Amino acid sequence: MFLSPNHEGNFRKLLQWDGTNVSDLERKAMFFIFAGNEEILKRIEMFYDFEERVIQTEITDNIAYLSSGARSLVLLGFNLFNNFPCGTVMDLFRSLDEQNCELALNGIRIRLGLE
């Protein structure tokens, strides 16, 4: 399911930093996606407040610096976290390369409790 050992390590670090409960599929799905994309991971605090444990929904300026694929992954992560509006499935997946598509699909599987 993980793209690499580095992805798994980053995922576990985000869960630990946040104090995510093992049954919290919403956060786990979002962190899985965020941990698998270096562009997002480098700017993680622009998208998630670890102190307040909330997403940073004022993201217009924050996502302007990301590639279209990373923007789609942030929006998907937010949607899986709390149903944040993200456009259609086709809108999100149209800009994803094969690796990010796999990342997105596995994030959805986590959120649905299939992993």
PDB file of N, CA and C in Angstrom:
ATOM      1  N   MET A   1       0.811  -1.190   0.000  1.00  0.00           N
ATOM      2  CA  MET A   1       0.000   0.000   0.000  1.00  0.00           C
ATOM      3  C   MET A   1       0.863   1.266   0.000  1.00  0.00           C
ATOM      4  N   PHE A   2       1.927   1.290   0.794  1.00  0.00           N
ATOM      5  CA  PHE A   2       2.819   2.449   0.820  1.00  0.00           C
ATOM      6  C   PHE A   2       3.643   2.499  -0.458  1.00  0.00           C
ATOM      7  N   LEU A   3       3.968   3.711  -0.880  1.00  0.00           N
ATOM      8  CA  LEU A   3       4.750   3.887  -2.104  1.00  0.00           C
ATOM      9  C   LEU A   3       6.213   3.506  -1.896  1.00  0.00           C
ATOM     10  N   SER A   4       6.681   3.642  -0.654  1.00  0.00           N
ATOM     11  CA  SER A   4       8.082   3.351  -0.337  1.00  0.00           C
ATOM     12  C   SER A   4       8.222   3.263   1.185  1.00  0.00           C
ATOM     13  N   PRO A   5       9.362   2.750   1.653  1.00  0.00           N
ATOM     14  CA  PRO A   5       9.603   2.764   3.102  1.00  0.00           C
ATOM     15  C   PRO A   5       9.609   4.192   3.662  1.00  0.00           C
ATOM     16  N   ASN A   6      10.092   5.147   2.886  1.00  0.00           N
ATOM     17  CA  ASN A   6      10.102   6.552   3.293  1.00  0.00           C
ATOM     18  C   ASN A   6       8.678   7.065   3.492  1.00  0.00           C
ATOM     19  N   HIS A   7       7.773   6.699   2.588  1.00  0.00           N
ATOM     20  CA  HIS A   7       6.361   7.084   2.703  1.00  0.00           C
ATOM     21  C   HIS A   7       5.791   6.549   4.019  1.00  0.00           C
ATOM     22  N   GLU A   8       6.046   5.285   4.305  1.00  0.00           N
ATOM     23  CA  GLU A   8       5.533   4.688   5.537  1.00  0.00           C
ATOM     24  C   GLU A   8       6.096   5.395   6.771  1.00  0.00           C
ATOM     25  N   GLY A   9       7.389   5.696   6.751  1.00  0.00           N
ATOM     26  CA  GLY A   9       8.012   6.398   7.876  1.00  0.00           C
ATOM     27  C   GLY A   9       7.423   7.786   8.076  1.00  0.00           C
ATOM     28  N   ASN A  10       7.229   8.511   6.983  1.00  0.00           N
ATOM     29  CA  ASN A  10       6.626   9.846   7.069  1.00  0.00           C
ATOM     30  C   ASN A  10       5.197   9.770   7.610  1.00  0.00           C
ATOM     31  N   PHE A  11       4.452   8.780   7.160  1.00  0.00           N
ATOM     32  CA  PHE A  11       3.081   8.580   7.622  1.00  0.00           C
ATOM     33  C   PHE A  11       3.059   8.356   9.136  1.00  0.00           C
ATOM     34  N   ARG A  12       3.910   7.473   9.599  1.00  0.00           N
ATOM     35  CA  ARG A  12       3.959   7.162  11.036  1.00  0.00           C
ATOM     36  C   ARG A  12       4.381   8.389  11.859  1.00  0.00           C
ATOM     37  N   LYS A  13       5.303   9.192  11.322  1.00  0.00           N
ATOM     38  CA  LYS A  13       5.723  10.420  12.009  1.00  0.00           C
ATOM     39  C   LYS A  13       4.565  11.405  12.125  1.00  0.00           C
ATOM     40  N   LEU A  14       3.782  11.554  11.041  1.00  0.00           N
ATOM     41  CA  LEU A  14       2.640  12.475  11.090  1.00  0.00           C
ATOM     42  C   LEU A  14       1.604  12.002  12.102  1.00  0.00           C
ATOM     43  N   LEU A  15       1.331  10.704  12.129  1.00  0.00           N
ATOM     44  CA  LEU A  15       0.375  10.166  13.101  1.00  0.00           C
ATOM     45  C   LEU A  15       0.847  10.425  14.532  1.00  0.00           C
ATOM     46  N   GLN A  16       2.136  10.226  14.756  1.00  0.00           N
ATOM     47  CA  GLN A  16       2.689  10.431  16.090  1.00  0.00           C
ATOM     48  C   GLN A  16       2.666  11.912  16.466  1.00  0.00           C
ATOM     49  N   TRP A  17       3.074  12.778  15.549  1.00  0.00           N
ATOM     50  CA  TRP A  17       3.095  14.221  15.788  1.00  0.00           C
ATOM     51  C   TRP A  17       1.697  14.711  16.163  1.00  0.00           C
ATOM     52  N   ASP A  18       0.699  14.189  15.480  1.00  0.00           N
ATOM     53  CA  ASP A  18      -0.686  14.596  15.702  1.00  0.00           C
ATOM     54  C   ASP A  18      -1.308  13.898  16.913  1.00  0.00           C
ATOM     55  N   GLY A  19      -0.797  12.730  17.264  1.00  0.00           N
ATOM     56  CA  GLY A  19      -1.428  11.939  18.315  1.00  0.00           C
ATOM     57  C   GLY A  19      -2.700  11.267  17.821  1.00  0.00           C
ATOM     58  N   THR A  20      -2.696  10.898  16.548  1.00  0.00           N
ATOM     59  CA  THR A  20      -3.877  10.316  15.910  1.00  0.00           C
ATOM     60  C   THR A  20      -4.242   8.983  16.546  1.00  0.00           C
ATOM     61  N   ASN A  21      -5.500   8.838  16.881  1.00  0.00           N
ATOM     62  CA  ASN A  21      -6.034   7.590  17.410  1.00  0.00           C
ATOM     63  C   ASN A  21      -6.056   6.548  16.288  1.00  0.00           C
ATOM     64  N   VAL A  22      -5.791   5.310  16.595  1.00  0.00           N
ATOM     65  CA  VAL A  22      -5.745   4.255  15.580  1.00  0.00           C
ATOM     66  C   VAL A  22      -7.072   4.083  14.848  1.00  0.00           C
ATOM     67  N   SER A  23      -8.173   4.467  15.488  1.00  0.00           N
ATOM     68  CA  SER A  23      -9.479   4.314  14.840  1.00  0.00           C
ATOM     69  C   SER A  23      -9.903   5.543  14.032  1.00  0.00           C
ATOM     70  N   ASP A  24      -9.068   6.571  13.985  1.00  0.00           N
ATOM     71  CA  ASP A  24      -9.396   7.819  13.286  1.00  0.00           C
ATOM     72  C   ASP A  24      -9.061   7.685  11.796  1.00  0.00           C
ATOM     73  N   LEU A  25      -9.976   7.104  11.056  1.00  0.00           N
ATOM     74  CA  LEU A  25      -9.743   6.854   9.631  1.00  0.00           C
ATOM     75  C   LEU A  25      -9.653   8.136   8.819  1.00  0.00           C
ATOM     76  N   GLU A  26     -10.323   9.187   9.267  1.00  0.00           N
ATOM     77  CA  GLU A  26     -10.299  10.453   8.543  1.00  0.00           C
ATOM     78  C   GLU A  26      -8.893  11.043   8.511  1.00  0.00           C
ATOM     79  N   ARG A  27      -8.282  11.148   9.687  1.00  0.00           N
ATOM     80  CA  ARG A  27      -6.921  11.696   9.745  1.00  0.00           C
ATOM     81  C   ARG A  27      -5.909  10.734   9.099  1.00  0.00           C
ATOM     82  N   LYS A  28      -6.077   9.460   9.344  1.00  0.00           N
ATOM     83  CA  LYS A  28      -5.150   8.492   8.760  1.00  0.00           C
ATOM     84  C   LYS A  28      -5.157   8.574   7.236  1.00  0.00           C
ATOM     85  N   ALA A  29      -6.330   8.709   6.631  1.00  0.00           N
ATOM     86  CA  ALA A  29      -6.421   8.813   5.172  1.00  0.00           C
ATOM     87  C   ALA A  29      -5.732  10.078   4.675  1.00  0.00           C
ATOM     88  N   MET A  30      -5.998  11.189   5.341  1.00  0.00           N
ATOM     89  CA  MET A  30      -5.386  12.454   4.938  1.00  0.00           C
ATOM     90  C   MET A  30      -3.865  12.390   5.100  1.00  0.00           C
ATOM     91  N   PHE A  31      -3.394  11.919   6.253  1.00  0.00           N
ATOM     92  CA  PHE A  31      -1.954  11.846   6.486  1.00  0.00           C
ATOM     93  C   PHE A  31      -1.281  10.854   5.542  1.00  0.00           C
ATOM     94  N   PHE A  32      -1.954   9.789   5.177  1.00  0.00           N
ATOM     95  CA  PHE A  32      -1.402   8.835   4.214  1.00  0.00           C
ATOM     96  C   PHE A  32      -1.111   9.554   2.893  1.00  0.00           C
ATOM     97  N   ILE A  33      -2.062  10.324   2.438  1.00  0.00           N
ATOM     98  CA  ILE A  33      -1.896  11.062   1.183  1.00  0.00           C
ATOM     99  C   ILE A  33      -0.803  12.106   1.327  1.00  0.00           C
ATOM    100  N   PHE A  34      -0.849  12.888   2.386  1.00  0.00           N
ATOM    101  CA  PHE A  34       0.139  13.951   2.577  1.00  0.00           C
ATOM    102  C   PHE A  34       1.554  13.389   2.719  1.00  0.00           C
ATOM    103  N   ALA A  35       1.705  12.256   3.403  1.00  0.00           N
ATOM    104  CA  ALA A  35       3.022  11.655   3.635  1.00  0.00           C
ATOM    105  C   ALA A  35       3.642  11.100   2.364  1.00  0.00           C
ATOM    106  N   GLY A  36       2.817  10.822   1.366  1.00  0.00           N
ATOM    107  CA  GLY A  36       3.321  10.235   0.129  1.00  0.00           C
ATOM    108  C   GLY A  36       3.699  11.234  -0.945  1.00  0.00           C
ATOM    109  N   ASN A  37       3.511  12.511  -0.678  1.00  0.00           N
ATOM    110  CA  ASN A  37       3.832  13.532  -1.670  1.00  0.00           C
ATOM    111  C   ASN A  37       4.803  14.536  -1.047  1.00  0.00           C
ATOM    112  N   GLU A  38       6.025  14.563  -1.544  1.00  0.00           N
ATOM    113  CA  GLU A  38       7.078  15.410  -0.967  1.00  0.00           C
ATOM    114  C   GLU A  38       6.716  16.894  -1.021  1.00  0.00           C
ATOM    115  N   GLU A  39       6.057  17.299  -2.083  1.00  0.00           N
ATOM    116  CA  GLU A  39       5.662  18.703  -2.220  1.00  0.00           C
ATOM    117  C   GLU A  39       4.751  19.127  -1.069  1.00  0.00           C
ATOM    118  N   ILE A  40       3.806  18.282  -0.733  1.00  0.00           N
ATOM    119  CA  ILE A  40       2.877  18.569   0.362  1.00  0.00           C
ATOM    120  C   ILE A  40       3.599  18.430   1.696  1.00  0.00           C
ATOM    121  N   LEU A  41       4.353  17.370   1.839  1.00  0.00           N
ATOM    122  CA  LEU A  41       5.027  17.081   3.100  1.00  0.00           C
ATOM    123  C   LEU A  41       5.945  18.234   3.522  1.00  0.00           C
ATOM    124  N   LYS A  42       6.630  18.850   2.572  1.00  0.00           N
ATOM    125  CA  LYS A  42       7.528  19.969   2.882  1.00  0.00           C
ATOM    126  C   LYS A  42       6.768  21.169   3.441  1.00  0.00           C
ATOM    127  N   ARG A  43       5.501  21.267   3.105  1.00  0.00           N
ATOM    128  CA  ARG A  43       4.684  22.409   3.529  1.00  0.00           C
ATOM    129  C   ARG A  43       3.524  21.979   4.430  1.00  0.00           C
ATOM    130  N   ILE A  44       3.660  20.860   5.100  1.00  0.00           N
ATOM    131  CA  ILE A  44       2.558  20.244   5.835  1.00  0.00           C
ATOM    132  C   ILE A  44       1.874  21.213   6.798  1.00  0.00           C
ATOM    133  N   GLU A  45       2.630  22.069   7.451  1.00  0.00           N
ATOM    134  CA  GLU A  45       2.029  22.979   8.429  1.00  0.00           C
ATOM    135  C   GLU A  45       1.210  24.099   7.779  1.00  0.00           C
ATOM    136  N   MET A  46       1.318  24.246   6.481  1.00  0.00           N
ATOM    137  CA  MET A  46       0.457  25.187   5.764  1.00  0.00           C
ATOM    138  C   MET A  46      -0.941  24.607   5.588  1.00  0.00           C
ATOM    139  N   PHE A  47      -1.044  23.288   5.702  1.00  0.00           N
ATOM    140  CA  PHE A  47      -2.304  22.605   5.437  1.00  0.00           C
ATOM    141  C   PHE A  47      -2.953  22.003   6.685  1.00  0.00           C
ATOM    142  N   TYR A  48      -2.154  21.778   7.719  1.00  0.00           N
ATOM    143  CA  TYR A  48      -2.689  21.162   8.935  1.00  0.00           C
ATOM    144  C   TYR A  48      -2.038  21.792  10.159  1.00  0.00           C
ATOM    145  N   ASP A  49      -2.855  22.182  11.119  1.00  0.00           N
ATOM    146  CA  ASP A  49      -2.388  22.760  12.376  1.00  0.00           C
ATOM    147  C   ASP A  49      -2.315  21.635  13.408  1.00  0.00           C
ATOM    148  N   PHE A  50      -1.098  21.194  13.720  1.00  0.00           N
ATOM    149  CA  PHE A  50      -0.913  20.071  14.640  1.00  0.00           C
ATOM    150  C   PHE A  50      -1.236  20.434  16.082  1.00  0.00           C
ATOM    151  N   GLU A  51      -1.145  21.702  16.422  1.00  0.00           N
ATOM    152  CA  GLU A  51      -1.477  22.126  17.780  1.00  0.00           C
ATOM    153  C   GLU A  51      -2.993  22.086  18.005  1.00  0.00           C
ATOM    154  N   GLU A  52      -3.732  22.638  17.060  1.00  0.00           N
ATOM    155  CA  GLU A  52      -5.197  22.664  17.170  1.00  0.00           C
ATOM    156  C   GLU A  52      -5.844  21.400  16.597  1.00  0.00           C
ATOM    157  N   ARG A  53      -5.053  20.639  15.832  1.00  0.00           N
ATOM    158  CA  ARG A  53      -5.508  19.391  15.198  1.00  0.00           C
ATOM    159  C   ARG A  53      -6.648  19.643  14.204  1.00  0.00           C
ATOM    160  N   VAL A  54      -6.460  20.655  13.371  1.00  0.00           N
ATOM    161  CA  VAL A  54      -7.459  21.013  12.361  1.00  0.00           C
ATOM    162  C   VAL A  54      -6.763  21.294  11.034  1.00  0.00           C
ATOM    163  N   ILE A  55      -7.521  21.126   9.946  1.00  0.00           N
ATOM    164  CA  ILE A  55      -6.984  21.480   8.639  1.00  0.00           C
ATOM    165  C   ILE A  55      -7.010  22.992   8.494  1.00  0.00           C
ATOM    166  N   GLN A  56      -6.107  23.500   7.691  1.00  0.00           N
ATOM    167  CA  GLN A  56      -6.031  24.932   7.402  1.00  0.00           C
ATOM    168  C   GLN A  56      -6.884  25.188   6.162  1.00  0.00           C
ATOM    169  N   THR A  57      -8.143  25.518   6.363  1.00  0.00           N
ATOM    170  CA  THR A  57      -9.067  25.649   5.229  1.00  0.00           C
ATOM    171  C   THR A  57      -8.870  26.933   4.435  1.00  0.00           C
ATOM    172  N   GLU A  58      -8.116  27.860   4.950  1.00  0.00           N
ATOM    173  CA  GLU A  58      -7.783  29.086   4.209  1.00  0.00           C
ATOM    174  C   GLU A  58      -6.607  28.769   3.288  1.00  0.00           C
ATOM    175  N   ILE A  59      -6.854  27.929   2.285  1.00  0.00           N
ATOM    176  CA  ILE A  59      -5.746  27.359   1.524  1.00  0.00           C
ATOM    177  C   ILE A  59      -5.487  28.003   0.175  1.00  0.00           C
ATOM    178  N   THR A  60      -6.258  28.975  -0.215  1.00  0.00           N
ATOM    179  CA  THR A  60      -6.109  29.547  -1.549  1.00  0.00           C
ATOM    180  C   THR A  60      -4.669  29.945  -1.838  1.00  0.00           C
ATOM    181  N   ASP A  61      -4.063  30.700  -0.935  1.00  0.00           N
ATOM    182  CA  ASP A  61      -2.680  31.125  -1.135  1.00  0.00           C
ATOM    183  C   ASP A  61      -1.709  29.959  -0.977  1.00  0.00           C
ATOM    184  N   ASN A  62      -2.002  29.061  -0.056  1.00  0.00           N
ATOM    185  CA  ASN A  62      -1.097  27.945   0.219  1.00  0.00           C
ATOM    186  C   ASN A  62      -0.977  26.977  -0.950  1.00  0.00           C
ATOM    187  N   ILE A  63      -2.067  26.713  -1.645  1.00  0.00           N
ATOM    188  CA  ILE A  63      -1.982  25.735  -2.727  1.00  0.00           C
ATOM    189  C   ILE A  63      -1.506  26.342  -4.038  1.00  0.00           C
ATOM    190  N   ALA A  64      -1.406  27.658  -4.094  1.00  0.00           N
ATOM    191  CA  ALA A  64      -0.940  28.308  -5.321  1.00  0.00           C
ATOM    192  C   ALA A  64       0.491  27.890  -5.663  1.00  0.00           C
ATOM    193  N   TYR A  65       1.259  27.500  -4.669  1.00  0.00           N
ATOM    194  CA  TYR A  65       2.665  27.129  -4.876  1.00  0.00           C
ATOM    195  C   TYR A  65       2.849  25.666  -5.262  1.00  0.00           C
ATOM    196  N   LEU A  66       1.779  24.911  -5.259  1.00  0.00           N
ATOM    197  CA  LEU A  66       1.856  23.475  -5.535  1.00  0.00           C
ATOM    198  C   LEU A  66       1.564  23.164  -6.997  1.00  0.00           C
ATOM    199  N   SER A  67       2.059  22.032  -7.448  1.00  0.00           N
ATOM    200  CA  SER A  67       1.699  21.528  -8.772  1.00  0.00           C
ATOM    201  C   SER A  67       0.216  21.177  -8.765  1.00  0.00           C
ATOM    202  N   SER A  68      -0.358  21.012  -9.924  1.00  0.00           N
ATOM    203  CA  SER A  68      -1.791  20.694 -10.005  1.00  0.00           C
ATOM    204  C   SER A  68      -2.090  19.344  -9.339  1.00  0.00           C
ATOM    205  N   GLY A  69      -1.188  18.386  -9.462  1.00  0.00           N
ATOM    206  CA  GLY A  69      -1.389  17.090  -8.824  1.00  0.00           C
ATOM    207  C   GLY A  69      -1.380  17.199  -7.312  1.00  0.00           C
ATOM    208  N   ALA A  70      -0.427  17.945  -6.766  1.00  0.00           N
ATOM    209  CA  ALA A  70      -0.359  18.130  -5.313  1.00  0.00           C
ATOM    210  C   ALA A  70      -1.582  18.895  -4.814  1.00  0.00           C
ATOM    211  N   ARG A  71      -2.043  19.873  -5.569  1.00  0.00           N
ATOM    212  CA  ARG A  71      -3.268  20.603  -5.183  1.00  0.00           C
ATOM    213  C   ARG A  71      -4.445  19.645  -5.080  1.00  0.00           C
ATOM    214  N   SER A  72      -4.567  18.768  -6.060  1.00  0.00           N
ATOM    215  CA  SER A  72      -5.659  17.791  -6.037  1.00  0.00           C
ATOM    216  C   SER A  72      -5.555  16.876  -4.822  1.00  0.00           C
ATOM    217  N   LEU A  73      -4.338  16.476  -4.469  1.00  0.00           N
ATOM    218  CA  LEU A  73      -4.156  15.600  -3.309  1.00  0.00           C
ATOM    219  C   LEU A  73      -4.507  16.306  -2.001  1.00  0.00           C
ATOM    220  N   VAL A  74      -4.161  17.582  -1.883  1.00  0.00           N
ATOM    221  CA  VAL A  74      -4.531  18.340  -0.681  1.00  0.00           C
ATOM    222  C   VAL A  74      -6.048  18.405  -0.571  1.00  0.00           C
ATOM    223  N   LEU A  75      -6.716  18.738  -1.658  1.00  0.00           N
ATOM    224  CA  LEU A  75      -8.175  18.832  -1.633  1.00  0.00           C
ATOM    225  C   LEU A  75      -8.818  17.488  -1.313  1.00  0.00           C
ATOM    226  N   LEU A  76      -8.276  16.415  -1.886  1.00  0.00           N
ATOM    227  CA  LEU A  76      -8.802  15.087  -1.580  1.00  0.00           C
ATOM    228  C   LEU A  76      -8.584  14.745  -0.108  1.00  0.00           C
ATOM    229  N   GLY A  77      -7.398  15.030   0.400  1.00  0.00           N
ATOM    230  CA  GLY A  77      -7.119  14.775   1.814  1.00  0.00           C
ATOM    231  C   GLY A  77      -8.092  15.517   2.716  1.00  0.00           C
ATOM    232  N   PHE A  78      -8.345  16.776   2.399  1.00  0.00           N
ATOM    233  CA  PHE A  78      -9.307  17.562   3.176  1.00  0.00           C
ATOM    234  C   PHE A  78     -10.705  16.960   3.068  1.00  0.00           C
ATOM    235  N   ASN A  79     -11.081  16.515   1.881  1.00  0.00           N
ATOM    236  CA  ASN A  79     -12.401  15.936   1.684  1.00  0.00           C
ATOM    237  C   ASN A  79     -12.556  14.648   2.493  1.00  0.00           C
ATOM    238  N   LEU A  80     -11.524  13.829   2.506  1.00  0.00           N
ATOM    239  CA  LEU A  80     -11.577  12.589   3.271  1.00  0.00           C
ATOM    240  C   LEU A  80     -11.584  12.866   4.776  1.00  0.00           C
ATOM    241  N   PHE A  81     -10.986  13.981   5.168  1.00  0.00           N
ATOM    242  CA  PHE A  81     -10.934  14.362   6.580  1.00  0.00           C
ATOM    243  C   PHE A  81     -12.292  14.844   7.083  1.00  0.00           C
ATOM    244  N   ASN A  82     -12.922  15.767   6.347  1.00  0.00           N
ATOM    245  CA  ASN A  82     -14.180  16.328   6.871  1.00  0.00           C
ATOM    246  C   ASN A  82     -15.178  16.733   5.794  1.00  0.00           C
ATOM    247  N   ASN A  83     -15.083  16.087   4.640  1.00  0.00           N
ATOM    248  CA  ASN A  83     -16.012  16.361   3.540  1.00  0.00           C
ATOM    249  C   ASN A  83     -15.847  17.766   2.967  1.00  0.00           C
ATOM    250  N   PHE A  84     -14.662  18.339   3.079  1.00  0.00           N
ATOM    251  CA  PHE A  84     -14.349  19.650   2.509  1.00  0.00           C
ATOM    252  C   PHE A  84     -14.617  19.599   1.009  1.00  0.00           C
ATOM    253  N   PRO A  85     -15.278  20.603   0.450  1.00  0.00           N
ATOM    254  CA  PRO A  85     -15.593  20.584  -0.992  1.00  0.00           C
ATOM    255  C   PRO A  85     -14.320  20.501  -1.840  1.00  0.00           C
ATOM    256  N   CYS A  86     -14.329  19.597  -2.801  1.00  0.00           N
ATOM    257  CA  CYS A  86     -13.108  19.390  -3.583  1.00  0.00           C
ATOM    258  C   CYS A  86     -13.354  19.225  -5.081  1.00  0.00           C
ATOM    259  N   GLY A  87     -14.557  19.433  -5.531  1.00  0.00           N
ATOM    260  CA  GLY A  87     -14.842  19.223  -6.943  1.00  0.00           C
ATOM    261  C   GLY A  87     -15.221  17.778  -7.206  1.00  0.00           C
ATOM    262  N   THR A  88     -15.278  17.436  -8.461  1.00  0.00           N
ATOM    263  CA  THR A  88     -15.677  16.085  -8.842  1.00  0.00           C
ATOM    264  C   THR A  88     -14.489  15.129  -8.811  1.00  0.00           C
ATOM    265  N   VAL A  89     -14.785  13.869  -8.858  1.00  0.00           N
ATOM    266  CA  VAL A  89     -13.742  12.841  -8.932  1.00  0.00           C
ATOM    267  C   VAL A  89     -12.869  13.099 -10.160  1.00  0.00           C
ATOM    268  N   MET A  90     -13.496  13.392 -11.277  1.00  0.00           N
ATOM    269  CA  MET A  90     -12.727  13.644 -12.501  1.00  0.00           C
ATOM    270  C   MET A  90     -11.853  14.884 -12.368  1.00  0.00           C
ATOM    271  N   ASP A  91     -12.356  15.921 -11.705  1.00  0.00           N
ATOM    272  CA  ASP A  91     -11.543  17.116 -11.465  1.00  0.00           C
ATOM    273  C   ASP A  91     -10.279  16.763 -10.698  1.00  0.00           C
ATOM    274  N   LEU A  92     -10.440  15.951  -9.662  1.00  0.00           N
ATOM    275  CA  LEU A  92      -9.302  15.597  -8.820  1.00  0.00           C
ATOM    276  C   LEU A  92      -8.311  14.676  -9.520  1.00  0.00           C
ATOM    277  N   PHE A  93      -8.817  13.675 -10.195  1.00  0.00           N
ATOM    278  CA  PHE A  93      -7.931  12.648 -10.747  1.00  0.00           C
ATOM    279  C   PHE A  93      -7.311  13.033 -12.089  1.00  0.00           C
ATOM    280  N   ARG A  94      -7.859  14.016 -12.757  1.00  0.00           N
ATOM    281  CA  ARG A  94      -7.354  14.389 -14.087  1.00  0.00           C
ATOM    282  C   ARG A  94      -5.895  14.835 -14.049  1.00  0.00           C
ATOM    283  N   SER A  95      -5.464  15.445 -12.956  1.00  0.00           N
ATOM    284  CA  SER A  95      -4.104  15.974 -12.891  1.00  0.00           C
ATOM    285  C   SER A  95      -3.114  15.040 -12.190  1.00  0.00           C
ATOM    286  N   LEU A  96      -3.556  13.853 -11.805  1.00  0.00           N
ATOM    287  CA  LEU A  96      -2.676  12.950 -11.065  1.00  0.00           C
ATOM    288  C   LEU A  96      -1.915  12.011 -11.993  1.00  0.00           C
ATOM    289  N   ASP A  97      -0.621  11.898 -11.738  1.00  0.00           N
ATOM    290  CA  ASP A  97       0.163  10.892 -12.452  1.00  0.00           C
ATOM    291  C   ASP A  97      -0.109   9.534 -11.813  1.00  0.00           C
ATOM    292  N   GLU A  98       0.511   8.498 -12.323  1.00  0.00           N
ATOM    293  CA  GLU A  98       0.228   7.144 -11.852  1.00  0.00           C
ATOM    294  C   GLU A  98       0.523   6.976 -10.365  1.00  0.00           C
ATOM    295  N   GLN A  99       1.637   7.500  -9.904  1.00  0.00           N
ATOM    296  CA  GLN A  99       2.011   7.357  -8.493  1.00  0.00           C
ATOM    297  C   GLN A  99       1.030   8.096  -7.588  1.00  0.00           C
ATOM    298  N   ASN A 100       0.673   9.321  -7.944  1.00  0.00           N
ATOM    299  CA  ASN A 100      -0.273  10.087  -7.120  1.00  0.00           C
ATOM    300  C   ASN A 100      -1.684   9.522  -7.206  1.00  0.00           C
ATOM    301  N   CYS A 101      -2.031   8.907  -8.307  1.00  0.00           N
ATOM    302  CA  CYS A 101      -3.322   8.237  -8.436  1.00  0.00           C
ATOM    303  C   CYS A 101      -3.377   7.053  -7.470  1.00  0.00           C
ATOM    304  N   GLU A 102      -2.308   6.292  -7.415  1.00  0.00           N
ATOM    305  CA  GLU A 102      -2.237   5.167  -6.471  1.00  0.00           C
ATOM    306  C   GLU A 102      -2.338   5.674  -5.036  1.00  0.00           C
ATOM    307  N   LEU A 103      -1.645   6.761  -4.748  1.00  0.00           N
ATOM    308  CA  LEU A 103      -1.693   7.384  -3.431  1.00  0.00           C
ATOM    309  C   LEU A 103      -3.130   7.784  -3.080  1.00  0.00           C
ATOM    310  N   ALA A 104      -3.817   8.434  -4.003  1.00  0.00           N
ATOM    311  CA  ALA A 104      -5.195   8.873  -3.784  1.00  0.00           C
ATOM    312  C   ALA A 104      -6.132   7.688  -3.556  1.00  0.00           C
ATOM    313  N   LEU A 105      -6.015   6.676  -4.391  1.00  0.00           N
ATOM    314  CA  LEU A 105      -6.898   5.514  -4.268  1.00  0.00           C
ATOM    315  C   LEU A 105      -6.681   4.780  -2.943  1.00  0.00           C
ATOM    316  N   ASN A 106      -5.433   4.660  -2.525  1.00  0.00           N
ATOM    317  CA  ASN A 106      -5.158   4.001  -1.248  1.00  0.00           C
ATOM    318  C   ASN A 106      -5.627   4.852  -0.067  1.00  0.00           C
ATOM    319  N   GLY A 107      -5.552   6.169  -0.197  1.00  0.00           N
ATOM    320  CA  GLY A 107      -6.090   7.051   0.840  1.00  0.00           C
ATOM    321  C   GLY A 107      -7.603   6.853   0.978  1.00  0.00           C
ATOM    322  N   ILE A 108      -8.279   6.720  -0.152  1.00  0.00           N
ATOM    323  CA  ILE A 108      -9.720   6.470  -0.137  1.00  0.00           C
ATOM    324  C   ILE A 108     -10.016   5.122   0.515  1.00  0.00           C
ATOM    325  N   ARG A 109      -9.206   4.125   0.207  1.00  0.00           N
ATOM    326  CA  ARG A 109      -9.392   2.796   0.816  1.00  0.00           C
ATOM    327  C   ARG A 109      -9.245   2.868   2.337  1.00  0.00           C
ATOM    328  N   ILE A 110      -8.286   3.632   2.817  1.00  0.00           N
ATOM    329  CA  ILE A 110      -8.111   3.787   4.266  1.00  0.00           C
ATOM    330  C   ILE A 110      -9.357   4.436   4.861  1.00  0.00           C
ATOM    331  N   ARG A 111      -9.813   5.507   4.246  1.00  0.00           N
ATOM    332  CA  ARG A 111     -10.980   6.229   4.767  1.00  0.00           C
ATOM    333  C   ARG A 111     -12.227   5.340   4.825  1.00  0.00           C
ATOM    334  N   LEU A 112     -12.368   4.455   3.861  1.00  0.00           N
ATOM    335  CA  LEU A 112     -13.514   3.566   3.814  1.00  0.00           C
ATOM    336  C   LEU A 112     -13.350   2.327   4.699  1.00  0.00           C
ATOM    337  N   GLY A 113     -12.186   2.211   5.337  1.00  0.00           N
ATOM    338  CA  GLY A 113     -11.932   1.072   6.217  1.00  0.00           C
ATOM    339  C   GLY A 113     -11.620  -0.203   5.476  1.00  0.00           C
ATOM    340  N   LEU A 114     -11.127  -0.072   4.255  1.00  0.00           N
ATOM    341  CA  LEU A 114     -10.822  -1.250   3.432  1.00  0.00           C
ATOM    342  C   LEU A 114      -9.363  -1.682   3.576  1.00  0.00           C
ATOM    343  N   GLU A 115      -8.578  -0.937   4.309  1.00  0.00           N
ATOM    344  CA  GLU A 115      -7.165  -1.275   4.546  1.00  0.00           C
ATOM    345  C   GLU A 115      -6.917  -1.386   6.026  1.00  0.00           C
TER     346      GLU A 115
END
